[in-house]
Structure formats: structure tokens, C-alpha cells
Amino acid sequence: IEYKEENRMSVQSVAIVFGPTLLRPAGEEANMAMHMVFQNQVVE
């Protein structure tokens, strides 16, 4: 993120990429879209 000027990876971008990968619920429940926002917020 320190190099976001060169790599265009802001905190938000990194969170969007890694949120769903690092945190996910045990069951793939229906409210995935709702979780997504919070997963990203946790990483951010």
C-alpha cells in the first residue's frame, strides 16, 4: 500500500482482493454480498 501511487493498490483495493479470501463463513450462506462489505472492512 505504501507504493499505491505506482501499483494502484490502495487500502480499499487490497481489502477487496483479500477480504473474501482471508475471512469467510463456514457455510456458503445466501447473504454473501452482505458479508462481503464487512469482510473487506475487517481487512481494511
PDB file of all heavy atoms in Angstrom:
ATOM      1  N   ILE A   1       0.827  -1.214   0.000  1.00  0.00           N
ATOM      2  CA  ILE A   1       0.000   0.000   0.000  1.00  0.00           C
ATOM      3  C   ILE A   1       0.862   1.265   0.000  1.00  0.00           C
ATOM      4  O   ILE A   1       0.470   2.290  -0.569  1.00  0.00           O
ATOM      5  CB  ILE A   1      -0.972  -0.028   1.205  1.00  0.00           C
ATOM      6  CG1 ILE A   1      -1.995  -1.146   1.013  1.00  0.00           C
ATOM      7  CG2 ILE A   1      -1.686   1.305   1.384  1.00  0.00           C
ATOM      8  CD1 ILE A   1      -2.658  -1.607   2.288  1.00  0.00           C
ATOM      9  N   GLU A   2       2.039   1.187   0.617  1.00  0.00           N
ATOM     10  CA  GLU A   2       2.946   2.349   0.619  1.00  0.00           C
ATOM     11  C   GLU A   2       3.290   2.783  -0.805  1.00  0.00           C
ATOM     12  O   GLU A   2       3.642   3.931  -1.038  1.00  0.00           O
ATOM     13  CB  GLU A   2       4.247   2.016   1.366  1.00  0.00           C
ATOM     14  CG  GLU A   2       4.113   2.041   2.873  1.00  0.00           C
ATOM     15  CD  GLU A   2       5.377   1.554   3.564  1.00  0.00           C
ATOM     16  OE1 GLU A   2       6.472   1.630   2.945  1.00  0.00           O
ATOM     17  OE2 GLU A   2       5.271   1.084   4.715  1.00  0.00           O
ATOM     18  N   TYR A   3       3.212   1.847  -1.750  1.00  0.00           N
ATOM     19  CA  TYR A   3       3.553   2.138  -3.152  1.00  0.00           C
ATOM     20  C   TYR A   3       2.315   2.295  -4.012  1.00  0.00           C
ATOM     21  O   TYR A   3       2.346   2.039  -5.215  1.00  0.00           O
ATOM     22  CB  TYR A   3       4.464   1.036  -3.708  1.00  0.00           C
ATOM     23  CG  TYR A   3       5.803   1.004  -3.013  1.00  0.00           C
ATOM     24  CD1 TYR A   3       6.017   0.168  -1.922  1.00  0.00           C
ATOM     25  CD2 TYR A   3       6.841   1.834  -3.429  1.00  0.00           C
ATOM     26  CE1 TYR A   3       7.238   0.144  -1.256  1.00  0.00           C
ATOM     27  CE2 TYR A   3       8.067   1.819  -2.780  1.00  0.00           C
ATOM     28  CZ  TYR A   3       8.258   0.980  -1.699  1.00  0.00           C
ATOM     29  OH  TYR A   3       9.464   0.969  -1.045  1.00  0.00           O
ATOM     30  N   LYS A   4       1.203   2.713  -3.405  1.00  0.00           N
ATOM     31  CA  LYS A   4      -0.069   2.746  -4.148  1.00  0.00           C
ATOM     32  C   LYS A   4      -0.021   3.681  -5.348  1.00  0.00           C
ATOM     33  O   LYS A   4      -0.747   3.478  -6.306  1.00  0.00           O
ATOM     34  CB  LYS A   4      -1.228   3.084  -3.228  1.00  0.00           C
ATOM     35  CG  LYS A   4      -1.199   4.451  -2.584  1.00  0.00           C
ATOM     36  CD  LYS A   4      -2.503   4.675  -1.806  1.00  0.00           C
ATOM     37  CE  LYS A   4      -2.521   6.002  -1.103  1.00  0.00           C
ATOM     38  NZ  LYS A   4      -1.849   5.988   0.204  1.00  0.00           N
ATOM     39  N   GLU A   5       0.835   4.708  -5.321  1.00  0.00           N
ATOM     40  CA  GLU A   5       0.957   5.596  -6.490  1.00  0.00           C
ATOM     41  C   GLU A   5       1.424   4.798  -7.705  1.00  0.00           C
ATOM     42  O   GLU A   5       0.950   5.011  -8.809  1.00  0.00           O
ATOM     43  CB  GLU A   5       1.934   6.747  -6.206  1.00  0.00           C
ATOM     44  CG  GLU A   5       1.562   7.648  -5.030  1.00  0.00           C
ATOM     45  CD  GLU A   5       0.126   8.167  -5.087  1.00  0.00           C
ATOM     46  OE1 GLU A   5      -0.334   8.508  -6.196  1.00  0.00           O
ATOM     47  OE2 GLU A   5      -0.536   8.220  -4.034  1.00  0.00           O
ATOM     48  N   GLU A   6       2.361   3.874  -7.489  1.00  0.00           N
ATOM     49  CA  GLU A   6       2.894   3.083  -8.606  1.00  0.00           C
ATOM     50  C   GLU A   6       2.020   1.872  -8.929  1.00  0.00           C
ATOM     51  O   GLU A   6       1.843   1.527 -10.094  1.00  0.00           O
ATOM     52  CB  GLU A   6       4.312   2.572  -8.303  1.00  0.00           C
ATOM     53  CG  GLU A   6       5.373   3.653  -8.199  1.00  0.00           C
ATOM     54  CD  GLU A   6       5.573   4.124  -6.753  1.00  0.00           C
ATOM     55  OE1 GLU A   6       6.322   3.456  -6.010  1.00  0.00           O
ATOM     56  OE2 GLU A   6       4.983   5.150  -6.378  1.00  0.00           O
ATOM     57  N   ASN A   7       1.506   1.203  -7.892  1.00  0.00           N
ATOM     58  CA  ASN A   7       0.819  -0.071  -8.148  1.00  0.00           C
ATOM     59  C   ASN A   7      -0.707   0.023  -8.101  1.00  0.00           C
ATOM     60  O   ASN A   7      -1.389  -0.958  -8.328  1.00  0.00           O
ATOM     61  CB  ASN A   7       1.316  -1.154  -7.166  1.00  0.00           C
ATOM     62  CG  ASN A   7       1.020  -0.806  -5.709  1.00  0.00           C
ATOM     63  OD1 ASN A   7       0.088  -0.067  -5.404  1.00  0.00           O
ATOM     64  ND2 ASN A   7       1.828  -1.337  -4.809  1.00  0.00           N
ATOM     65  N   ARG A   8      -1.225   1.219  -7.790  1.00  0.00           N
ATOM     66  CA  ARG A   8      -2.672   1.462  -7.720  1.00  0.00           C
ATOM     67  C   ARG A   8      -3.385   0.531  -6.732  1.00  0.00           C
ATOM     68  O   ARG A   8      -4.556   0.245  -6.879  1.00  0.00           O
ATOM     69  CB  ARG A   8      -3.326   1.355  -9.106  1.00  0.00           C
ATOM     70  CG  ARG A   8      -2.794   2.386 -10.107  1.00  0.00           C
ATOM     71  CD  ARG A   8      -3.668   2.518 -11.330  1.00  0.00           C
ATOM     72  NE  ARG A   8      -3.792   1.295 -12.100  1.00  0.00           N
ATOM     73  CZ  ARG A   8      -2.852   0.809 -12.914  1.00  0.00           C
ATOM     74  NH1 ARG A   8      -1.719   1.455 -13.065  1.00  0.00           N
ATOM     75  NH2 ARG A   8      -3.060  -0.301 -13.595  1.00  0.00           N
ATOM     76  N   MET A   9      -2.632   0.044  -5.718  1.00  0.00           N
ATOM     77  CA  MET A   9      -3.241  -0.806  -4.699  1.00  0.00           C
ATOM     78  C   MET A   9      -3.416   0.000  -3.413  1.00  0.00           C
ATOM     79  O   MET A   9      -2.519   0.081  -2.587  1.00  0.00           O
ATOM     80  CB  MET A   9      -2.378  -2.055  -4.438  1.00  0.00           C
ATOM     81  CG  MET A   9      -2.406  -3.067  -5.578  1.00  0.00           C
ATOM     82  SD  MET A   9      -4.071  -3.652  -6.027  1.00  0.00           S
ATOM     83  CE  MET A   9      -4.395  -4.810  -4.711  1.00  0.00           C
ATOM     84  N   SER A  10      -4.588   0.612  -3.274  1.00  0.00           N
ATOM     85  CA  SER A  10      -4.906   1.357  -2.063  1.00  0.00           C
ATOM     86  C   SER A  10      -5.331   0.362  -0.981  1.00  0.00           C
ATOM     87  O   SER A  10      -5.483  -0.831  -1.247  1.00  0.00           O
ATOM     88  CB  SER A  10      -6.055   2.318  -2.340  1.00  0.00           C
ATOM     89  OG  SER A  10      -7.215   1.577  -2.670  1.00  0.00           O
ATOM     90  N   VAL A  11      -5.532   0.867   0.226  1.00  0.00           N
ATOM     91  CA  VAL A  11      -6.037   0.020   1.307  1.00  0.00           C
ATOM     92  C   VAL A  11      -7.333  -0.654   0.852  1.00  0.00           C
ATOM     93  O   VAL A  11      -7.527  -1.858   1.053  1.00  0.00           O
ATOM     94  CB  VAL A  11      -6.289   0.858   2.586  1.00  0.00           C
ATOM     95  CG1 VAL A  11      -6.957   0.021   3.660  1.00  0.00           C
ATOM     96  CG2 VAL A  11      -4.993   1.434   3.113  1.00  0.00           C
ATOM     97  N   GLN A  12      -8.216   0.124   0.197  1.00  0.00           N
ATOM     98  CA  GLN A  12      -9.503  -0.413  -0.247  1.00  0.00           C
ATOM     99  C   GLN A  12      -9.311  -1.530  -1.272  1.00  0.00           C
ATOM    100  O   GLN A  12      -9.965  -2.568  -1.178  1.00  0.00           O
ATOM    101  CB  GLN A  12     -10.381   0.696  -0.855  1.00  0.00           C
ATOM    102  CG  GLN A  12     -10.890   1.713   0.148  1.00  0.00           C
ATOM    103  CD  GLN A  12      -9.883   2.813   0.458  1.00  0.00           C
ATOM    104  OE1 GLN A  12      -8.756   2.822  -0.060  1.00  0.00           O
ATOM    105  NE2 GLN A  12     -10.266   3.745   1.319  1.00  0.00           N
ATOM    106  N   SER A  13      -8.411  -1.311  -2.228  1.00  0.00           N
ATOM    107  CA  SER A  13      -8.170  -2.332  -3.263  1.00  0.00           C
ATOM    108  C   SER A  13      -7.663  -3.628  -2.647  1.00  0.00           C
ATOM    109  O   SER A  13      -8.129  -4.714  -3.005  1.00  0.00           O
ATOM    110  CB  SER A  13      -7.136  -1.855  -4.287  1.00  0.00           C
ATOM    111  OG  SER A  13      -7.333  -0.518  -4.619  1.00  0.00           O
ATOM    112  N   VAL A  14      -6.705  -3.497  -1.738  1.00  0.00           N
ATOM    113  CA  VAL A  14      -6.146  -4.692  -1.092  1.00  0.00           C
ATOM    114  C   VAL A  14      -7.235  -5.409  -0.300  1.00  0.00           C
ATOM    115  O   VAL A  14      -7.343  -6.637  -0.336  1.00  0.00           O
ATOM    116  CB  VAL A  14      -4.947  -4.312  -0.182  1.00  0.00           C
ATOM    117  CG1 VAL A  14      -4.520  -5.493   0.683  1.00  0.00           C
ATOM    118  CG2 VAL A  14      -3.776  -3.809  -1.029  1.00  0.00           C
ATOM    119  N   ALA A  15      -8.082  -4.635   0.386  1.00  0.00           N
ATOM    120  CA  ALA A  15      -9.156  -5.227   1.183  1.00  0.00           C
ATOM    121  C   ALA A  15     -10.156  -5.976   0.301  1.00  0.00           C
ATOM    122  O   ALA A  15     -10.627  -7.057   0.660  1.00  0.00           O
ATOM    123  CB  ALA A  15      -9.861  -4.150   2.000  1.00  0.00           C
ATOM    124  N   ILE A  16     -10.446  -5.404  -0.871  1.00  0.00           N
ATOM    125  CA  ILE A  16     -11.385  -6.044  -1.801  1.00  0.00           C
ATOM    126  C   ILE A  16     -10.805  -7.364  -2.317  1.00  0.00           C
ATOM    127  O   ILE A  16     -11.506  -8.361  -2.453  1.00  0.00           O
ATOM    128  CB  ILE A  16     -11.740  -5.092  -2.969  1.00  0.00           C
ATOM    129  CG1 ILE A  16     -12.648  -3.966  -2.457  1.00  0.00           C
ATOM    130  CG2 ILE A  16     -12.399  -5.847  -4.119  1.00  0.00           C
ATOM    131  CD1 ILE A  16     -12.785  -2.798  -3.420  1.00  0.00           C
ATOM    132  N   VAL A  17      -9.498  -7.364  -2.573  1.00  0.00           N
ATOM    133  CA  VAL A  17      -8.834  -8.564  -3.081  1.00  0.00           C
ATOM    134  C   VAL A  17      -8.729  -9.645  -2.000  1.00  0.00           C
ATOM    135  O   VAL A  17      -8.967 -10.813  -2.258  1.00  0.00           O
ATOM    136  CB  VAL A  17      -7.428  -8.208  -3.638  1.00  0.00           C
ATOM    137  CG1 VAL A  17      -6.630  -9.459  -3.945  1.00  0.00           C
ATOM    138  CG2 VAL A  17      -7.551  -7.338  -4.876  1.00  0.00           C
ATOM    139  N   PHE A  18      -8.359  -9.228  -0.777  1.00  0.00           N
ATOM    140  CA  PHE A  18      -8.063 -10.224   0.258  1.00  0.00           C
ATOM    141  C   PHE A  18      -9.195 -10.489   1.245  1.00  0.00           C
ATOM    142  O   PHE A  18      -9.189 -11.524   1.910  1.00  0.00           O
ATOM    143  CB  PHE A  18      -6.782  -9.846   1.010  1.00  0.00           C
ATOM    144  CG  PHE A  18      -5.535 -10.230   0.273  1.00  0.00           C
ATOM    145  CD1 PHE A  18      -4.891  -9.322  -0.562  1.00  0.00           C
ATOM    146  CD2 PHE A  18      -5.020 -11.511   0.382  1.00  0.00           C
ATOM    147  CE1 PHE A  18      -3.758  -9.688  -1.265  1.00  0.00           C
ATOM    148  CE2 PHE A  18      -3.878 -11.884  -0.314  1.00  0.00           C
ATOM    149  CZ  PHE A  18      -3.249 -10.969  -1.137  1.00  0.00           C
ATOM    150  N   GLY A  19     -10.175  -9.580   1.362  1.00  0.00           N
ATOM    151  CA  GLY A  19     -11.262  -9.767   2.322  1.00  0.00           C
ATOM    152  C   GLY A  19     -11.915 -11.138   2.259  1.00  0.00           C
ATOM    153  O   GLY A  19     -11.878 -11.909   3.226  1.00  0.00           O
ATOM    154  N   PRO A  20     -12.480 -11.501   1.091  1.00  0.00           N
ATOM    155  CA  PRO A  20     -13.201 -12.775   0.977  1.00  0.00           C
ATOM    156  C   PRO A  20     -12.278 -13.996   1.071  1.00  0.00           C
ATOM    157  O   PRO A  20     -12.731 -15.096   1.363  1.00  0.00           O
ATOM    158  CB  PRO A  20     -13.827 -12.714  -0.420  1.00  0.00           C
ATOM    159  CG  PRO A  20     -13.693 -11.294  -0.864  1.00  0.00           C
ATOM    160  CD  PRO A  20     -12.538 -10.703  -0.126  1.00  0.00           C
ATOM    161  N   THR A  21     -10.974 -13.800   0.823  1.00  0.00           N
ATOM    162  CA  THR A  21     -10.017 -14.909   0.867  1.00  0.00           C
ATOM    163  C   THR A  21      -9.603 -15.222   2.302  1.00  0.00           C
ATOM    164  O   THR A  21      -9.432 -16.381   2.668  1.00  0.00           O
ATOM    165  CB  THR A  21      -8.761 -14.538   0.037  1.00  0.00           C
ATOM    166  OG1 THR A  21      -9.178 -14.205  -1.287  1.00  0.00           O
ATOM    167  CG2 THR A  21      -7.770 -15.675  -0.025  1.00  0.00           C
ATOM    168  N   LEU A  22      -9.447 -14.180   3.117  1.00  0.00           N
ATOM    169  CA  LEU A  22      -8.926 -14.368   4.467  1.00  0.00           C
ATOM    170  C   LEU A  22     -10.013 -14.613   5.506  1.00  0.00           C
ATOM    171  O   LEU A  22      -9.752 -15.205   6.545  1.00  0.00           O
ATOM    172  CB  LEU A  22      -8.083 -13.145   4.877  1.00  0.00           C
ATOM    173  CG  LEU A  22      -6.898 -12.841   3.956  1.00  0.00           C
ATOM    174  CD1 LEU A  22      -6.159 -11.605   4.449  1.00  0.00           C
ATOM    175  CD2 LEU A  22      -5.950 -14.029   3.862  1.00  0.00           C
ATOM    176  N   LEU A  23     -11.217 -14.114   5.234  1.00  0.00           N
ATOM    177  CA  LEU A  23     -12.344 -14.331   6.156  1.00  0.00           C
ATOM    178  C   LEU A  23     -13.502 -14.844   5.338  1.00  0.00           C
ATOM    179  O   LEU A  23     -13.961 -14.155   4.428  1.00  0.00           O
ATOM    180  CB  LEU A  23     -12.852 -13.013   6.736  1.00  0.00           C
ATOM    181  CG  LEU A  23     -12.164 -12.168   7.749  1.00  0.00           C
ATOM    182  CD1 LEU A  23     -11.482 -11.035   7.026  1.00  0.00           C
ATOM    183  CD2 LEU A  23     -13.207 -11.627   8.704  1.00  0.00           C
ATOM    184  N   ARG A  24     -13.991 -16.025   5.710  1.00  0.00           N
ATOM    185  CA  ARG A  24     -15.238 -16.457   5.093  1.00  0.00           C
ATOM    186  C   ARG A  24     -16.001 -17.330   6.064  1.00  0.00           C
ATOM    187  O   ARG A  24     -15.397 -17.995   6.906  1.00  0.00           O
ATOM    188  CB  ARG A  24     -14.995 -17.162   3.750  1.00  0.00           C
ATOM    189  CG  ARG A  24     -14.009 -18.266   3.740  1.00  0.00           C
ATOM    190  CD  ARG A  24     -13.828 -18.858   2.356  1.00  0.00           C
ATOM    191  NE  ARG A  24     -13.167 -20.137   2.475  1.00  0.00           N
ATOM    192  CZ  ARG A  24     -11.838 -20.277   2.517  1.00  0.00           C
ATOM    193  NH1 ARG A  24     -11.060 -19.232   2.440  1.00  0.00           N
ATOM    194  NH2 ARG A  24     -11.306 -21.469   2.656  1.00  0.00           N
ATOM    195  N   PRO A  25     -17.322 -17.300   5.953  1.00  0.00           N
ATOM    196  CA  PRO A  25     -18.141 -18.097   6.874  1.00  0.00           C
ATOM    197  C   PRO A  25     -18.011 -19.583   6.553  1.00  0.00           C
ATOM    198  O   PRO A  25     -17.635 -19.948   5.440  1.00  0.00           O
ATOM    199  CB  PRO A  25     -19.564 -17.598   6.610  1.00  0.00           C
ATOM    200  CG  PRO A  25     -19.528 -16.999   5.251  1.00  0.00           C
ATOM    201  CD  PRO A  25     -18.131 -16.540   4.993  1.00  0.00           C
ATOM    202  N   ALA A  26     -18.301 -20.424   7.527  1.00  0.00           N
ATOM    203  CA  ALA A  26     -18.159 -21.872   7.351  1.00  0.00           C
ATOM    204  C   ALA A  26     -19.081 -22.379   6.245  1.00  0.00           C
ATOM    205  O   ALA A  26     -18.670 -23.136   5.383  1.00  0.00           O
ATOM    206  CB  ALA A  26     -18.453 -22.592   8.659  1.00  0.00           C
ATOM    207  N   GLY A  27     -20.352 -21.934   6.254  1.00  0.00           N
ATOM    208  CA  GLY A  27     -21.272 -22.339   5.199  1.00  0.00           C
ATOM    209  C   GLY A  27     -21.361 -21.218   4.189  1.00  0.00           C
ATOM    210  O   GLY A  27     -21.309 -20.056   4.553  1.00  0.00           O
ATOM    211  N   GLU A  28     -21.464 -21.553   2.922  1.00  0.00           N
ATOM    212  CA  GLU A  28     -21.615 -20.506   1.907  1.00  0.00           C
ATOM    213  C   GLU A  28     -23.057 -20.026   1.928  1.00  0.00           C
ATOM    214  O   GLU A  28     -23.843 -20.366   1.061  1.00  0.00           O
ATOM    215  CB  GLU A  28     -21.248 -21.055   0.518  1.00  0.00           C
ATOM    216  CG  GLU A  28     -19.808 -21.469   0.391  1.00  0.00           C
ATOM    217  CD  GLU A  28     -18.838 -20.303   0.591  1.00  0.00           C
ATOM    218  OE1 GLU A  28     -19.033 -19.233  -0.028  1.00  0.00           O
ATOM    219  OE2 GLU A  28     -17.884 -20.452   1.370  1.00  0.00           O
ATOM    220  N   GLU A  29     -23.402 -19.251   2.961  1.00  0.00           N
ATOM    221  CA  GLU A  29     -24.813 -18.881   3.093  1.00  0.00           C
ATOM    222  C   GLU A  29     -25.227 -17.815   2.075  1.00  0.00           C
ATOM    223  O   GLU A  29     -24.397 -17.235   1.390  1.00  0.00           O
ATOM    224  CB  GLU A  29     -25.160 -18.452   4.516  1.00  0.00           C
ATOM    225  CG  GLU A  29     -24.351 -17.311   5.037  1.00  0.00           C
ATOM    226  CD  GLU A  29     -23.338 -17.756   6.087  1.00  0.00           C
ATOM    227  OE1 GLU A  29     -22.529 -18.643   5.798  1.00  0.00           O
ATOM    228  OE2 GLU A  29     -23.350 -17.184   7.175  1.00  0.00           O
ATOM    229  N   ALA A  30     -26.533 -17.581   2.021  1.00  0.00           N
ATOM    230  CA  ALA A  30     -27.119 -16.738   0.975  1.00  0.00           C
ATOM    231  C   ALA A  30     -26.689 -15.273   1.074  1.00  0.00           C
ATOM    232  O   ALA A  30     -26.603 -14.587   0.064  1.00  0.00           O
ATOM    233  CB  ALA A  30     -28.637 -16.830   1.031  1.00  0.00           C
ATOM    234  N   ASN A  31     -26.399 -14.792   2.285  1.00  0.00           N
ATOM    235  CA  ASN A  31     -26.091 -13.371   2.426  1.00  0.00           C
ATOM    236  C   ASN A  31     -24.607 -13.061   2.205  1.00  0.00           C
ATOM    237  O   ASN A  31     -24.016 -12.274   2.932  1.00  0.00           O
ATOM    238  CB  ASN A  31     -26.559 -12.846   3.790  1.00  0.00           C
ATOM    239  CG  ASN A  31     -26.124 -13.746   4.931  1.00  0.00           C
ATOM    240  OD1 ASN A  31     -25.494 -14.771   4.711  1.00  0.00           O
ATOM    241  ND2 ASN A  31     -26.453 -13.362   6.150  1.00  0.00           N
ATOM    242  N   MET A  32     -24.028 -13.683   1.172  1.00  0.00           N
ATOM    243  CA  MET A  32     -22.615 -13.467   0.861  1.00  0.00           C
ATOM    244  C   MET A  32     -22.322 -12.004   0.549  1.00  0.00           C
ATOM    245  O   MET A  32     -21.322 -11.457   0.975  1.00  0.00           O
ATOM    246  CB  MET A  32     -22.176 -14.339  -0.329  1.00  0.00           C
ATOM    247  CG  MET A  32     -21.724 -15.727   0.067  1.00  0.00           C
ATOM    248  SD  MET A  32     -20.563 -15.765   1.453  1.00  0.00           S
ATOM    249  CE  MET A  32     -19.059 -15.230   0.639  1.00  0.00           C
ATOM    250  N   ALA A  33     -23.216 -11.368  -0.225  1.00  0.00           N
ATOM    251  CA  ALA A  33     -22.980  -9.979  -0.623  1.00  0.00           C
ATOM    252  C   ALA A  33     -22.937  -9.072   0.596  1.00  0.00           C
ATOM    253  O   ALA A  33     -22.109  -8.173   0.687  1.00  0.00           O
ATOM    254  CB  ALA A  33     -24.063  -9.519  -1.591  1.00  0.00           C
ATOM    255  N   MET A  34     -23.810  -9.346   1.554  1.00  0.00           N
ATOM    256  CA  MET A  34     -23.827  -8.559   2.775  1.00  0.00           C
ATOM    257  C   MET A  34     -22.533  -8.753   3.556  1.00  0.00           C
ATOM    258  O   MET A  34     -21.944  -7.811   4.057  1.00  0.00           O
ATOM    259  CB  MET A  34     -25.031  -8.947   3.631  1.00  0.00           C
ATOM    260  CG  MET A  34     -25.221  -8.080   4.843  1.00  0.00           C
ATOM    261  SD  MET A  34     -26.113  -8.953   6.135  1.00  0.00           S
ATOM    262  CE  MET A  34     -24.807  -9.939   6.847  1.00  0.00           C
ATOM    263  N   HIS A  35     -22.077 -10.002   3.624  1.00  0.00           N
ATOM    264  CA  HIS A  35     -20.833 -10.289   4.334  1.00  0.00           C
ATOM    265  C   HIS A  35     -19.644  -9.609   3.674  1.00  0.00           C
ATOM    266  O   HIS A  35     -18.745  -9.126   4.340  1.00  0.00           O
ATOM    267  CB  HIS A  35     -20.566 -11.801   4.367  1.00  0.00           C
ATOM    268  CG  HIS A  35     -21.287 -12.507   5.454  1.00  0.00           C
ATOM    269  ND1 HIS A  35     -21.397 -11.995   6.725  1.00  0.00           N
ATOM    270  CD2 HIS A  35     -21.919 -13.700   5.472  1.00  0.00           C
ATOM    271  CE1 HIS A  35     -22.080 -12.846   7.473  1.00  0.00           C
ATOM    272  NE2 HIS A  35     -22.419 -13.883   6.736  1.00  0.00           N
ATOM    273  N   MET A  36     -19.634  -9.606   2.342  1.00  0.00           N
ATOM    274  CA  MET A  36     -18.512  -9.101   1.574  1.00  0.00           C
ATOM    275  C   MET A  36     -18.073  -7.724   2.057  1.00  0.00           C
ATOM    276  O   MET A  36     -16.895  -7.483   2.263  1.00  0.00           O
ATOM    277  CB  MET A  36     -18.899  -9.020   0.089  1.00  0.00           C
ATOM    278  CG  MET A  36     -17.718  -8.975  -0.819  1.00  0.00           C
ATOM    279  SD  MET A  36     -17.109 -10.644  -1.096  1.00  0.00           S
ATOM    280  CE  MET A  36     -17.764 -10.918  -2.717  1.00  0.00           C
ATOM    281  N   VAL A  37     -19.037  -6.837   2.238  1.00  0.00           N
ATOM    282  CA  VAL A  37     -18.738  -5.481   2.690  1.00  0.00           C
ATOM    283  C   VAL A  37     -17.980  -5.537   4.006  1.00  0.00           C
ATOM    284  O   VAL A  37     -16.957  -4.876   4.175  1.00  0.00           O
ATOM    285  CB  VAL A  37     -20.050  -4.673   2.882  1.00  0.00           C
ATOM    286  CG1 VAL A  37     -19.760  -3.305   3.463  1.00  0.00           C
ATOM    287  CG2 VAL A  37     -20.785  -4.547   1.558  1.00  0.00           C
ATOM    288  N   PHE A  38     -18.462  -6.362   4.950  1.00  0.00           N
ATOM    289  CA  PHE A  38     -17.857  -6.421   6.270  1.00  0.00           C
ATOM    290  C   PHE A  38     -16.516  -7.151   6.245  1.00  0.00           C
ATOM    291  O   PHE A  38     -15.588  -6.762   6.951  1.00  0.00           O
ATOM    292  CB  PHE A  38     -18.825  -7.057   7.270  1.00  0.00           C
ATOM    293  CG  PHE A  38     -20.071  -6.231   7.466  1.00  0.00           C
ATOM    294  CD1 PHE A  38     -21.310  -6.711   7.084  1.00  0.00           C
ATOM    295  CD2 PHE A  38     -19.991  -4.948   8.008  1.00  0.00           C
ATOM    296  CE1 PHE A  38     -22.460  -5.935   7.256  1.00  0.00           C
ATOM    297  CE2 PHE A  38     -21.127  -4.166   8.184  1.00  0.00           C
ATOM    298  CZ  PHE A  38     -22.362  -4.662   7.805  1.00  0.00           C
ATOM    299  N   GLN A  39     -16.410  -8.190   5.402  1.00  0.00           N
ATOM    300  CA  GLN A  39     -15.129  -8.893   5.273  1.00  0.00           C
ATOM    301  C   GLN A  39     -14.052  -7.900   4.839  1.00  0.00           C
ATOM    302  O   GLN A  39     -12.954  -7.864   5.394  1.00  0.00           O
ATOM    303  CB  GLN A  39     -15.234 -10.012   4.230  1.00  0.00           C
ATOM    304  CG  GLN A  39     -16.002 -11.221   4.712  1.00  0.00           C
ATOM    305  CD  GLN A  39     -16.491 -12.076   3.554  1.00  0.00           C
ATOM    306  OE1 GLN A  39     -17.398 -11.687   2.841  1.00  0.00           O
ATOM    307  NE2 GLN A  39     -15.910 -13.230   3.361  1.00  0.00           N
ATOM    308  N   ASN A  40     -14.392  -7.090   3.844  1.00  0.00           N
ATOM    309  CA  ASN A  40     -13.436  -6.105   3.342  1.00  0.00           C
ATOM    310  C   ASN A  40     -13.115  -5.065   4.406  1.00  0.00           C
ATOM    311  O   ASN A  40     -11.970  -4.642   4.549  1.00  0.00           O
ATOM    312  CB  ASN A  40     -13.976  -5.427   2.082  1.00  0.00           C
ATOM    313  CG  ASN A  40     -14.187  -6.420   0.945  1.00  0.00           C
ATOM    314  OD1 ASN A  40     -13.777  -7.580   1.030  1.00  0.00           O
ATOM    315  ND2 ASN A  40     -14.830  -5.984  -0.118  1.00  0.00           N
ATOM    316  N   GLN A  41     -14.138  -4.660   5.165  1.00  0.00           N
ATOM    317  CA  GLN A  41     -13.926  -3.653   6.212  1.00  0.00           C
ATOM    318  C   GLN A  41     -12.995  -4.170   7.300  1.00  0.00           C
ATOM    319  O   GLN A  41     -12.186  -3.408   7.836  1.00  0.00           O
ATOM    320  CB  GLN A  41     -15.261  -3.222   6.826  1.00  0.00           C
ATOM    321  CG  GLN A  41     -16.034  -2.247   5.949  1.00  0.00           C
ATOM    322  CD  GLN A  41     -17.379  -1.865   6.558  1.00  0.00           C
ATOM    323  OE1 GLN A  41     -17.719  -2.265   7.667  1.00  0.00           O
ATOM    324  NE2 GLN A  41     -18.148  -1.092   5.818  1.00  0.00           N
ATOM    325  N   VAL A  42     -13.099  -5.464   7.612  1.00  0.00           N
ATOM    326  CA  VAL A  42     -12.211  -6.047   8.623  1.00  0.00           C
ATOM    327  C   VAL A  42     -10.767  -5.967   8.141  1.00  0.00           C
ATOM    328  O   VAL A  42      -9.880  -5.513   8.863  1.00  0.00           O
ATOM    329  CB  VAL A  42     -12.600  -7.520   8.952  1.00  0.00           C
ATOM    330  CG1 VAL A  42     -11.533  -8.180   9.818  1.00  0.00           C
ATOM    331  CG2 VAL A  42     -13.962  -7.576   9.636  1.00  0.00           C
ATOM    332  N   VAL A  43     -10.522  -6.388   6.902  1.00  0.00           N
ATOM    333  CA  VAL A  43      -9.165  -6.367   6.354  1.00  0.00           C
ATOM    334  C   VAL A  43      -8.654  -4.933   6.295  1.00  0.00           C
ATOM    335  O   VAL A  43      -7.513  -4.636   6.682  1.00  0.00           O
ATOM    336  CB  VAL A  43      -9.115  -7.041   4.960  1.00  0.00           C
ATOM    337  CG1 VAL A  43      -7.766  -6.832   4.289  1.00  0.00           C
ATOM    338  CG2 VAL A  43      -9.419  -8.532   5.094  1.00  0.00           C
ATOM    339  N   GLU A  44      -9.507  -4.018   5.845  1.00  0.00           N
ATOM    340  CA  GLU A  44      -9.142  -2.604   5.761  1.00  0.00           C
ATOM    341  C   GLU A  44      -8.763  -2.066   7.143  1.00  0.00           C
ATOM    342  O   GLU A  44      -7.757  -1.371   7.302  1.00  0.00           O
ATOM    343  CB  GLU A  44     -10.337  -1.823   5.194  1.00  0.00           C
ATOM    344  CG  GLU A  44      -9.972  -0.509   4.578  1.00  0.00           C
ATOM    345  CD  GLU A  44     -11.171   0.141   3.868  1.00  0.00           C
ATOM    346  OE1 GLU A  44     -11.896  -0.553   3.120  1.00  0.00           O
ATOM    347  OE2 GLU A  44     -11.354   1.348   4.081  1.00  0.00           O
TER     348      GLU A  44
END
